[in-house]
Protein backbone atom coordinates (compact mmCIF):
# COMPACT_ATOMS: atom_id res chain seq x y z
CA MET A 1 0.00 0.00 0.00
CA LYS A 2 3.04 2.22 -0.11
CA SER A 3 3.15 3.07 -3.80
CA SER A 4 1.52 6.20 -5.17
CA ILE A 5 -0.87 4.03 -7.20
CA CYS A 6 -2.10 2.23 -4.13
CA LEU A 7 -2.47 5.47 -2.20
CA LEU A 8 -4.55 6.95 -4.99
CA LEU A 9 -6.85 3.96 -4.93
CA VAL A 10 -7.28 4.18 -1.17
CA LEU A 11 -8.10 7.88 -1.27
CA THR A 12 -10.44 7.69 -4.26
CA ALA A 13 -12.63 4.63 -4.22
CA CYS A 14 -14.54 5.79 -7.28
CA PHE A 15 -13.19 7.99 -10.09
CA PRO A 16 -13.35 8.23 -13.91
CA VAL A 17 -10.62 6.44 -15.87
CA HIS A 18 -10.54 8.10 -19.28
CA GLU A 19 -7.78 5.98 -20.81
CA SER A 20 -9.85 2.80 -20.48
CA ASP A 21 -13.11 4.64 -21.33
CA ALA A 22 -14.53 3.36 -18.07
CA GLN A 23 -17.12 5.05 -15.93
CA GLU A 24 -16.34 4.07 -12.35
CA VAL A 25 -13.56 2.26 -10.54
CA TYR A 26 -14.09 0.85 -7.06
CA GLU A 27 -11.49 -0.35 -4.62
CA LEU A 28 -12.73 -3.84 -3.80
CA TRP A 29 -12.03 -3.85 -0.06
CA GLU A 30 -12.47 -0.16 0.78
CA GLY A 31 -13.37 0.21 4.45
CA LEU A 32 -12.85 -3.51 5.07
CA GLU A 33 -9.93 -5.62 6.16
CA MET A 34 -8.32 -7.11 3.06
CA PRO A 35 -8.14 -10.90 3.56
CA PHE A 36 -4.73 -12.58 3.41
CA TYR A 37 -2.90 -9.27 2.88
CA LYS A 38 0.76 -8.97 3.82
CA GLU A 39 2.57 -5.63 4.09
CA ASN A 40 4.95 -5.18 1.18
CA ASN A 41 6.87 -2.66 -0.91
CA ILE A 42 5.76 -4.01 -4.30
CA SER A 43 4.40 -1.49 -6.80
CA GLU A 44 1.86 -2.23 -9.49
CA ILE A 45 3.11 -1.63 -13.04
CA GLU A 46 1.84 -1.90 -16.60
CA LYS A 47 4.13 -3.09 -19.38
CA GLU A 48 4.15 -4.87 -22.71
CA ILE A 49 4.34 -8.67 -22.86
CA TYR A 50 3.57 -10.99 -25.78
CA GLY A 51 2.51 -7.97 -27.81
CA ILE A 52 -0.16 -6.78 -25.35
CA THR A 53 -0.26 -4.37 -22.41
CA ALA A 54 -0.61 -6.17 -19.09
CA VAL A 55 -0.64 -5.23 -15.42
CA PHE A 56 1.83 -6.82 -12.99
CA ASN A 57 2.19 -6.87 -9.18
CA VAL A 58 -1.49 -6.30 -8.40
CA THR A 59 -1.86 -5.98 -4.63
CA ILE A 60 -4.85 -3.62 -4.42
CA PRO A 61 -7.82 -5.12 -6.31
CA THR A 62 -10.32 -2.93 -8.14
CA LEU A 63 -13.58 -3.29 -10.05
CA THR A 64 -13.97 -1.10 -13.13
CA VAL A 65 -17.64 -0.81 -14.04
CA TYR A 66 -18.85 0.08 -17.55
CA ARG A 67 -22.32 1.51 -17.61
CA VAL A 68 -24.71 0.34 -20.29
CA LYS A 69 -24.96 2.47 -23.40
CA GLY A 70 -28.51 2.44 -24.72
CA GLU A 71 -31.13 -0.12 -23.69
CA ASN A 72 -30.27 -1.96 -20.48
CA THR A 73 -30.81 -5.73 -20.46
CA SER A 74 -30.43 -5.65 -16.63
CA LYS A 75 -27.76 -8.38 -16.90
CA ALA A 76 -24.22 -7.90 -15.66
CA VAL A 77 -20.95 -9.77 -15.83
CA ILE A 78 -17.64 -9.63 -13.97
CA ILE A 79 -14.66 -10.05 -16.33
CA CYS A 80 -11.46 -11.75 -15.08
CA PRO A 81 -8.49 -11.22 -17.45
CA GLY A 82 -5.94 -13.99 -17.90
CA GLY A 83 -2.18 -14.06 -17.55
CA GLY A 84 -1.23 -17.32 -15.88
CA TYR A 85 -1.61 -15.73 -12.42
CA ALA A 86 1.66 -13.89 -13.21
CA PHE A 87 0.05 -10.80 -14.79
CA GLU A 88 -3.35 -9.68 -16.09
CA ALA A 89 -4.13 -8.87 -19.73
CA ILE A 90 -6.28 -6.04 -18.43
CA HIS A 91 -6.96 -4.35 -21.79
CA HIS A 92 -7.01 -7.25 -24.26
CA GLU A 93 -9.10 -9.53 -22.04
CA GLY A 94 -10.68 -6.89 -19.86
CA TYR A 95 -11.50 -3.31 -20.84
CA ASP A 96 -11.84 -4.11 -24.56
CA ILE A 97 -14.38 -6.85 -23.80
CA ALA A 98 -16.30 -4.64 -21.37
CA LYS A 99 -16.74 -1.92 -23.99
CA VAL A 100 -18.36 -4.36 -26.41
CA LEU A 101 -20.70 -5.79 -23.79
CA SER A 102 -21.76 -2.44 -22.33
CA ALA A 103 -22.60 -1.25 -25.86
CA ALA A 104 -24.85 -4.32 -26.15
CA GLY A 105 -26.82 -3.43 -23.01
CA ILE A 106 -24.89 -5.57 -20.53
CA THR A 107 -23.26 -3.96 -17.49
CA ALA A 108 -19.65 -5.15 -17.59
CA ALA A 109 -17.17 -4.87 -14.74
CA VAL A 110 -13.47 -5.69 -15.10
CA LEU A 111 -11.95 -7.28 -12.03
CA LYS A 112 -8.30 -6.47 -11.40
CA TYR A 113 -7.78 -9.24 -8.87
CA ARG A 114 -4.76 -9.59 -6.60
CA LEU A 115 -2.08 -11.80 -8.07
CA PRO A 116 -0.90 -14.65 -5.82
CA ASP A 117 2.51 -13.86 -4.36
CA PRO A 118 4.05 -15.03 -1.05
CA GLU A 119 5.55 -11.55 -0.64
CA THR A 120 2.13 -9.87 -0.65
CA SER A 121 -0.17 -12.51 0.81
CA THR A 122 -0.22 -14.90 3.74
CA GLU A 123 -2.11 -17.46 1.66
CA PRO A 124 -1.54 -16.70 -2.04
CA TYR A 125 -3.90 -19.32 -3.47
CA ARG A 126 -6.88 -17.84 -1.59
CA VAL A 127 -6.42 -14.33 -2.93
CA PRO A 128 -7.95 -14.50 -6.46
CA ILE A 129 -11.06 -16.47 -5.43
CA THR A 130 -11.62 -14.17 -2.45
CA ASP A 131 -11.45 -11.10 -4.69
CA ALA A 132 -13.73 -12.67 -7.30
CA ARG A 133 -16.39 -13.46 -4.73
CA ARG A 134 -16.14 -9.99 -3.24
CA SER A 135 -16.56 -8.46 -6.72
CA LEU A 136 -19.85 -10.32 -7.26
CA LYS A 137 -21.13 -9.18 -3.89
CA LEU A 138 -20.04 -5.58 -4.50
CA LEU A 139 -21.67 -5.36 -7.92
CA ARG A 140 -24.92 -6.71 -6.52
CA GLU A 141 -24.76 -4.10 -3.76
CA LYS A 142 -24.72 -1.47 -6.52
CA ALA A 143 -27.49 -3.11 -8.54
CA TYR A 144 -29.95 -0.24 -8.20
CA GLU A 145 -27.36 2.31 -9.33
CA TYR A 146 -26.61 0.37 -12.52
CA GLY A 147 -30.05 -1.08 -13.25
CA ILE A 148 -28.91 -4.65 -12.62
CA ASN A 149 -31.08 -7.65 -11.86
CA THR A 150 -29.34 -9.24 -8.86
CA SER A 151 -30.34 -12.68 -10.16
CA ALA A 152 -28.56 -12.10 -13.49
CA VAL A 153 -24.97 -11.41 -12.47
CA GLY A 154 -22.39 -13.68 -14.07
CA ILE A 155 -18.66 -14.18 -14.24
CA MET A 156 -16.39 -14.38 -17.28
CA GLY A 157 -12.75 -15.39 -17.46
CA PHE A 158 -9.93 -15.85 -19.94
CA SER A 159 -7.17 -18.44 -19.46
CA ALA A 160 -6.12 -18.15 -15.77
CA GLY A 161 -9.09 -15.82 -15.36
CA SER A 162 -11.25 -18.63 -16.73
CA HIS A 163 -9.74 -20.98 -14.16
CA LEU A 164 -10.78 -18.43 -11.54
CA ALA A 165 -14.28 -18.05 -13.02
CA THR A 166 -14.68 -21.83 -13.07
CA ALA A 167 -13.67 -22.03 -9.42
CA VAL A 168 -16.37 -19.50 -8.58
CA SER A 169 -18.84 -21.61 -10.59
CA VAL A 170 -18.21 -24.97 -8.91
CA TRP A 171 -17.15 -23.87 -5.40
CA GLU A 172 -20.44 -22.51 -4.12
CA SER A 173 -20.20 -19.90 -1.38
CA ASN A 174 -22.51 -20.02 1.64
CA ASP A 175 -23.13 -16.34 0.92
CA THR A 176 -25.36 -16.50 -2.16
CA THR A 177 -24.45 -12.94 -3.15
CA GLU A 178 -20.94 -14.23 -3.90
CA ASN A 179 -22.11 -16.82 -6.44
CA ALA A 180 -22.48 -16.37 -10.20
CA ASP A 181 -25.77 -16.77 -12.04
CA PHE A 182 -23.98 -17.73 -15.27
CA SER A 183 -20.41 -18.30 -16.45
CA VAL A 184 -18.45 -17.47 -19.59
CA LEU A 185 -15.28 -19.57 -19.81
CA VAL A 186 -12.77 -18.70 -22.52
CA TYR A 187 -9.84 -21.09 -23.16
CA GLY A 188 -9.41 -22.02 -19.50
CA VAL A 189 -8.26 -24.93 -17.34
CA THR A 190 -10.93 -27.17 -15.80
CA SER A 191 -8.99 -30.34 -14.90
CA ASN A 192 -6.18 -31.41 -12.59
CA LYS A 193 -4.04 -33.04 -15.29
CA PRO A 194 -0.31 -33.23 -14.38
CA GLY A 195 0.66 -30.16 -16.44
CA ASN A 196 -2.10 -28.14 -14.84
CA LEU A 197 -1.09 -29.21 -11.34
CA LYS A 198 2.49 -28.16 -12.00
CA TRP A 199 1.28 -24.74 -13.11
CA LEU A 200 -0.99 -24.34 -10.09
CA GLU A 201 1.73 -25.34 -7.63
CA GLU A 202 4.23 -22.93 -9.20
CA SER A 203 1.94 -19.98 -9.91
CA LEU A 204 -0.98 -20.12 -7.47
CA PHE A 205 -0.12 -22.23 -4.42
CA TYR A 206 3.66 -21.71 -4.33
CA ARG A 207 3.95 -25.15 -2.73
CA LYS A 208 2.92 -28.76 -3.20
CA MET A 209 -0.84 -29.19 -3.21
CA SER A 210 -2.48 -31.57 -0.75
CA ASP A 211 -4.53 -34.52 -1.97
CA ALA A 212 -7.69 -32.67 -0.99
CA GLU A 213 -6.62 -29.58 -2.95
CA ILE A 214 -5.88 -31.69 -6.01
CA VAL A 215 -9.40 -33.13 -5.86
CA GLN A 216 -10.88 -29.68 -5.28
CA ASN A 217 -9.14 -28.33 -8.39
CA SER A 218 -10.56 -30.99 -10.68
CA PHE A 219 -13.40 -28.67 -11.61
CA VAL A 220 -14.74 -30.99 -14.29
CA ASP A 221 -15.52 -33.55 -11.57
CA LEU A 222 -17.29 -30.97 -9.38
CA VAL A 223 -19.95 -30.04 -11.92
CA SER A 224 -23.44 -30.59 -10.54
CA GLU A 225 -27.06 -29.69 -11.22
CA THR A 226 -26.49 -26.38 -9.41
CA THR A 227 -23.56 -25.29 -11.61
CA PRO A 228 -24.65 -22.10 -13.39
CA PRO A 229 -25.51 -21.97 -17.12
CA THR A 230 -22.24 -21.77 -19.04
CA PHE A 231 -20.92 -20.39 -22.34
CA LEU A 232 -17.58 -21.84 -23.46
CA VAL A 233 -15.09 -20.68 -26.10
CA HIS A 234 -11.90 -22.40 -27.28
CA ALA A 235 -9.70 -23.03 -30.33
CA TYR A 236 -8.59 -26.47 -31.48
CA ASP A 237 -5.04 -25.25 -32.09
CA ASP A 238 -4.58 -23.89 -28.56
CA SER A 239 -1.12 -25.16 -27.57
CA VAL A 240 -1.25 -23.66 -24.06
CA CYS A 241 -4.59 -24.98 -22.83
CA HIS A 242 -5.90 -28.01 -24.71
CA VAL A 243 -9.39 -27.78 -26.17
CA SER A 244 -10.41 -30.83 -24.12
CA GLU A 245 -10.45 -28.59 -21.04
CA SER A 246 -13.62 -27.05 -22.51
CA THR A 247 -15.11 -30.08 -24.27
CA ASP A 248 -14.81 -32.33 -21.21
CA TYR A 249 -16.35 -29.65 -19.01
CA ALA A 250 -19.19 -29.16 -21.50
CA GLN A 251 -19.88 -32.89 -21.48
CA LYS A 252 -20.21 -32.87 -17.69
CA LEU A 253 -22.52 -29.87 -17.83
CA SER A 254 -24.70 -31.69 -20.34
CA GLU A 255 -24.79 -34.85 -18.22
CA HIS A 256 -26.08 -32.81 -15.27
CA GLY A 257 -28.66 -30.91 -17.30
CA VAL A 258 -26.93 -27.54 -17.03
CA PRO A 259 -27.81 -25.14 -19.88
CA LEU A 260 -24.72 -24.54 -22.02
CA GLU A 261 -23.45 -23.28 -25.31
CA MET A 262 -19.96 -23.90 -26.71
CA HIS A 263 -18.11 -22.45 -29.68
CA LEU A 264 -14.92 -24.09 -30.95
CA PHE A 265 -12.72 -22.54 -33.62
CA SER A 266 -10.35 -24.37 -35.93
CA LYS A 267 -7.72 -21.63 -35.61
CA GLY A 268 -7.11 -19.02 -32.96
CA GLY A 269 -4.45 -20.38 -30.67
CA HIS A 270 -4.40 -19.15 -27.09
CA GLY A 271 -5.13 -15.64 -25.88
CA PHE A 272 -7.20 -14.29 -28.78
CA GLY A 273 -9.35 -12.20 -26.44
CA GLY A 274 -12.31 -10.69 -28.27
CA GLY A 275 -11.17 -12.42 -31.43
CA ARG A 276 -9.82 -11.74 -34.92
CA SER A 277 -11.62 -11.55 -38.27
CA GLU A 278 -8.89 -13.45 -40.10
CA ASP A 279 -9.50 -16.68 -38.20
CA GLY A 280 -13.18 -16.17 -37.33
CA THR A 281 -12.69 -15.93 -33.58
CA ASP A 282 -14.32 -12.50 -33.63
CA GLN A 283 -17.69 -14.26 -33.88
CA TRP A 284 -17.88 -15.35 -30.25
CA LEU A 285 -18.76 -12.04 -28.57
CA PRO A 286 -21.85 -11.42 -30.75
CA LEU A 287 -22.83 -15.05 -30.12
CA LEU A 288 -22.44 -14.49 -26.38
CA VAL A 289 -24.72 -11.46 -26.53
CA LYS A 290 -27.35 -13.59 -28.29
CA TRP A 291 -26.95 -16.35 -25.69
CA LEU A 292 -27.50 -13.88 -22.87
CA GLU A 293 -30.84 -12.99 -24.42
CA LEU A 294 -32.09 -16.57 -24.08
CA ASP A 295 -34.33 -17.92 -21.34
CA TRP A 296 -32.30 -20.91 -20.08
CA GLY A 297 -35.10 -22.12 -17.84
CA THR A 298 -34.28 -24.23 -14.80
CA ASN A 299 -31.48 -26.78 -14.50
């Protein structure tokens, strides 16, 4: 909390951010004790990586809310950018997506969640999920201000952000205001395959996972009738996160009668965000908007 960025966030819980074309930014834990926080001298920075602008060293989480432009559908979604839990692709998989959705009548809020780090947290692996749940609760608290139906608040994630969104979807909170009403999972991890476990131990847990934690992180095996309706997106040529992470999860959703829609692209690789016209991945956001107009009925 010692950097100028952090101080600004503490002093101004809500302010316009012109560079991201956002309307309001809220400090997630303003006035509350931030869970699992450890005093540190780490400063948040933005820099280029893999051809995109990403944010690193996030220790003060925020929620950037994009008001609806035009007719309000009364639906809302929290967006969790990816970055392997090492950084967050805050523009490419965050603000840019929110602009499209808000223009389509959907209140979109970009979650800049704390990144797991033993230097900044007493329990790194608990930090992202705690921030995600708090963001859902906070947005519902502001439902009247934004014209949101509190029973139509979902969560979206890309890559590691999709892993986080899936955790929110299958680990139900006792506080119902912290649960998602629908999920949008874009090229994310849903299983505890060996490669995934290695990544989680190195980037989220910072230690060996217990047997119970390994079971808990096999999201595909935790799907149930109460898992929220889900929209999945993936590319067959994704060399970072295999397409089976989505197809296997979709199969489990179907087996349990959970409403779902999935779109798989022949080309696109990993990290295509809102998509590209040259490989057709730019079709998924308009398809998502159409899906959000549907009446999914009951599970």
